[in-house]
C-alpha atoms as a PDB file:
ATOM      1  CA  MET A   1     -10.324 -10.561   9.754  1.00  0.00           C
ATOM      2  CA  ASP A   2     -11.910 -13.609   9.314  1.00  0.00           C
ATOM      3  CA  ILE A   3     -13.075 -13.390   5.898  1.00  0.00           C
ATOM      4  CA  ILE A   4      -9.725 -12.504   4.923  1.00  0.00           C
ATOM      5  CA  GLY A   5      -8.855 -16.516   4.929  1.00  0.00           C
ATOM      6  CA  ASN A   6     -11.648 -16.858   2.140  1.00  0.00           C
ATOM      7  CA  ILE A   7     -10.043 -14.688  -0.396  1.00  0.00           C
ATOM      8  CA  SER A   8      -8.404 -16.587  -3.538  1.00  0.00           C
ATOM      9  CA  SER A   9      -4.729 -17.218  -3.652  1.00  0.00           C
ATOM     10  CA  ASN A  10      -4.996 -15.901  -7.289  1.00  0.00           C
ATOM     11  CA  THR A  11      -5.787 -12.590  -6.026  1.00  0.00           C
ATOM     12  CA  SER A  12      -3.112  -9.976  -5.715  1.00  0.00           C
ATOM     13  CA  ILE A  13      -3.897  -7.788  -2.626  1.00  0.00           C
ATOM     14  CA  LEU A  14      -2.366  -4.145  -2.344  1.00  0.00           C
ATOM     15  CA  ILE A  15      -2.540  -2.439   1.168  1.00  0.00           C
ATOM     16  CA  LEU A  16      -1.713   1.092   1.378  1.00  0.00           C
ATOM     17  CA  GLN A  17      -2.051   3.031   4.713  1.00  0.00           C
ATOM     18  CA  GLY A  18      -0.852   6.360   5.511  1.00  0.00           C
ATOM     19  CA  GLU A  19       0.928   6.078   8.861  1.00  0.00           C
ATOM     20  CA  ASN A  20      -0.865   9.493  10.693  1.00  0.00           C
ATOM     21  CA  GLU A  21      -4.462   7.771   9.258  1.00  0.00           C
ATOM     22  CA  THR A  22      -7.016   9.252  11.685  1.00  0.00           C
ATOM     23  CA  GLN A  23      -9.848   6.847  10.890  1.00  0.00           C
ATOM     24  CA  THR A  24      -8.155   3.648  10.720  1.00  0.00           C
ATOM     25  CA  PRO A  25      -4.937   3.233  12.623  1.00  0.00           C
ATOM     26  CA  VAL A  26      -1.874   2.033  10.959  1.00  0.00           C
ATOM     27  CA  GLN A  27      -1.912  -1.058  13.330  1.00  0.00           C
ATOM     28  CA  GLN A  28      -4.892  -2.467  11.623  1.00  0.00           C
ATOM     29  CA  ALA A  29      -2.812  -2.473   8.366  1.00  0.00           C
ATOM     30  CA  PHE A  30      -0.201  -4.306   9.904  1.00  0.00           C
ATOM     31  CA  LEU A  31      -2.767  -6.706  11.612  1.00  0.00           C
ATOM     32  CA  LEU A  32      -4.471  -7.363   8.132  1.00  0.00           C
ATOM     33  CA  GLN A  33      -0.859  -8.285   6.684  1.00  0.00           C
ATOM     34  CA  GLN A  34      -0.021 -10.604   9.369  1.00  0.00           C
ATOM     35  CA  LYS A  35      -3.407 -12.408   8.860  1.00  0.00           C
ATOM     36  CA  LEU A  36      -2.359 -12.707   5.329  1.00  0.00           C
ATOM     37  CA  THR A  37       0.921 -14.451   5.979  1.00  0.00           C
ATOM     38  CA  ASP A  38      -0.722 -16.458   8.529  1.00  0.00           C
ATOM     39  CA  VAL A  39      -3.109 -18.104   6.209  1.00  0.00           C
ATOM     40  CA  GLY A  40      -0.329 -18.362   3.547  1.00  0.00           C
ATOM     41  CA  HIS A  41      -1.808 -15.799   0.891  1.00  0.00           C
ATOM     42  CA  PRO A  42       1.043 -15.755  -1.717  1.00  0.00           C
ATOM     43  CA  ASP A  43       0.793 -12.366  -3.162  1.00  0.00           C
ATOM     44  CA  HIS A  44       0.200  -9.474  -0.822  1.00  0.00           C
ATOM     45  CA  THR A  45       2.075  -6.112  -0.217  1.00  0.00           C
ATOM     46  CA  LEU A  46       1.855  -3.398   2.420  1.00  0.00           C
ATOM     47  CA  ILE A  47       3.150  -0.217   2.060  1.00  0.00           C
ATOM     48  CA  THR A  48       2.940   2.347   4.645  1.00  0.00           C
ATOM     49  CA  TYR A  49       3.573   6.095   4.522  1.00  0.00           C
ATOM     50  CA  PRO A  50       5.314   8.287   7.235  1.00  0.00           C
ATOM     51  CA  ASN A  51       3.682  11.715   7.574  1.00  0.00           C
ATOM     52  CA  LEU A  52       0.495  10.995   5.240  1.00  0.00           C
ATOM     53  CA  GLY A  53      -3.275  10.484   6.365  1.00  0.00           C
ATOM     54  CA  HIS A  54      -6.209   8.844   5.230  1.00  0.00           C
ATOM     55  CA  ILE A  55      -6.308  10.526   1.627  1.00  0.00           C
ATOM     56  CA  PHE A  56      -2.529  10.252   1.299  1.00  0.00           C
ATOM     57  CA  TYR A  57      -1.773  13.572   1.872  1.00  0.00           C
ATOM     58  CA  PRO A  58       0.499  15.215   4.553  1.00  0.00           C
ATOM     59  CA  SER A  59      -1.303  15.145   7.633  1.00  0.00           C
ATOM     60  CA  SER A  60      -0.459  15.267  11.319  1.00  0.00           C
ATOM     61  CA  GLN A  61      -1.329  12.584  13.797  1.00  0.00           C
ATOM     62  CA  TRP A  62      -4.393  14.558  14.716  1.00  0.00           C
ATOM     63  CA  ILE A  63      -5.896  16.137  11.821  1.00  0.00           C
ATOM     64  CA  THR A  64      -6.326  14.637   8.529  1.00  0.00           C
ATOM     65  CA  GLY A  65      -5.087  17.059   5.613  1.00  0.00           C
ATOM     66  CA  ALA A  66      -6.860  17.770   2.676  1.00  0.00           C
ATOM     67  CA  GLY A  67      -5.449  17.886  -0.657  1.00  0.00           C
ATOM     68  CA  PRO A  68      -4.540  15.710  -3.792  1.00  0.00           C
ATOM     69  CA  ILE A  69      -2.641  12.279  -3.253  1.00  0.00           C
ATOM     70  CA  GLU A  70       0.845  12.442  -3.442  1.00  0.00           C
ATOM     71  CA  GLN A  71       2.589  11.807  -6.755  1.00  0.00           C
ATOM     72  CA  TYR A  72       4.609   8.993  -5.373  1.00  0.00           C
ATOM     73  CA  VAL A  73       1.927   7.140  -3.990  1.00  0.00           C
ATOM     74  CA  LEU A  74       0.092   7.265  -7.368  1.00  0.00           C
ATOM     75  CA  ALA A  75       3.393   6.015  -8.934  1.00  0.00           C
ATOM     76  CA  ASP A  76       3.387   3.229  -6.141  1.00  0.00           C
ATOM     77  CA  ILE A  77       0.094   2.130  -7.105  1.00  0.00           C
ATOM     78  CA  TYR A  78       0.847   2.502 -10.850  1.00  0.00           C
ATOM     79  CA  SER A  79       3.857   0.231 -10.212  1.00  0.00           C
ATOM     80  CA  TRP A  80       2.159  -2.602  -8.242  1.00  0.00           C
ATOM     81  CA  LEU A  81      -0.591  -2.727 -11.109  1.00  0.00           C
ATOM     82  CA  GLU A  82       2.031  -2.801 -13.801  1.00  0.00           C
ATOM     83  CA  SER A  83       3.770  -5.806 -12.261  1.00  0.00           C
ATOM     84  CA  ARG A  84       0.497  -7.719 -12.037  1.00  0.00           C
ATOM     85  CA  SER A  85      -1.611  -6.627 -15.098  1.00  0.00           C
ATOM     86  CA  GLY A  86       0.811  -6.139 -18.120  1.00  0.00           C
ATOM     87  CA  LEU A  87       0.279  -2.110 -18.169  1.00  0.00           C
ATOM     88  CA  THR A  88       2.910  -0.470 -20.199  1.00  0.00           C
ATOM     89  CA  PRO A  89       5.615   0.863 -18.517  1.00  0.00           C
ATOM     90  CA  LEU A  90       5.430   4.239 -17.008  1.00  0.00           C
ATOM     91  CA  THR A  91       7.998   6.831 -19.171  1.00  0.00           C
ATOM     92  CA  THR A  92       7.612   9.670 -16.781  1.00  0.00           C
ATOM     93  CA  SER A  93      10.903   9.922 -15.051  1.00  0.00           C
ATOM     94  CA  ASN A  94       9.875  12.293 -12.350  1.00  0.00           C
ATOM     95  CA  LEU A  95       7.083   9.697 -11.260  1.00  0.00           C
ATOM     96  CA  LEU A  96       9.492   6.891 -10.705  1.00  0.00           C
ATOM     97  CA  SER A  97      12.202   8.899  -9.145  1.00  0.00           C
ATOM     98  CA  SER A  98      10.162  10.572  -6.674  1.00  0.00           C
ATOM     99  CA  SER A  99       8.686   6.902  -5.787  1.00  0.00           C
ATOM    100  CA  SER A 100       8.570   6.810  -2.153  1.00  0.00           C
ATOM    101  CA  SER A 101      11.667   6.185  -0.888  1.00  0.00           C
ATOM    102  CA  ASN A 102      10.571   6.984   2.808  1.00  0.00           C
ATOM    103  CA  ALA A 103       7.593   4.277   2.389  1.00  0.00           C
ATOM    104  CA  THR A 104       7.586   0.856   4.148  1.00  0.00           C
ATOM    105  CA  LYS A 105       7.058  -1.633   1.817  1.00  0.00           C
ATOM    106  CA  LEU A 106       6.315  -5.151   2.580  1.00  0.00           C
ATOM    107  CA  ASN A 107       6.010  -7.508  -0.298  1.00  0.00           C
ATOM    108  CA  HIS A 108       4.850 -11.282   0.047  1.00  0.00           C
ATOM    109  CA  GLU A 109       5.051 -12.354  -3.542  1.00  0.00           C
ATOM    110  CA  ASN A 110       5.627 -15.935  -4.140  1.00  0.00           C
ATOM    111  CA  GLU A 111       6.922 -16.099  -0.548  1.00  0.00           C
ATOM    112  CA  PHE A 112       4.987 -19.239   0.115  1.00  0.00           C
END
C-alpha cells in the first residue's frame, strides 16, 4: 500500500477482482482503490465480479474453480484498454452485449 503513492499520475490503473477470490480477499482491492483515491490518483478503475474466483471463472467462496476466463471479463479488459490506448473498436457485438452487467465498476478517471 505504501508504494501506491509513488505511481505516476500519468499511469492508468485497472484493478480486477473476483468477489470469491480465495487467495486475495476482495477487501484488499477496495483498500487499494481507497488508497488511490486518498493520494489523488486521477485514473483508476476497480471492477469486481460476483461469483468469480482468482482466475475469473465461476467459483464458490471456498474453492477456486478452474476454467477459461469469462468472456465478459475479457470484454471489460479490452474496453478499458481501448479507451486509453486508441485500440480499434471491438466489433463483435456478442462480446459487448455480454459485458458484465453484474460487475461492480468504480471508475475514478479525471475525478481529481
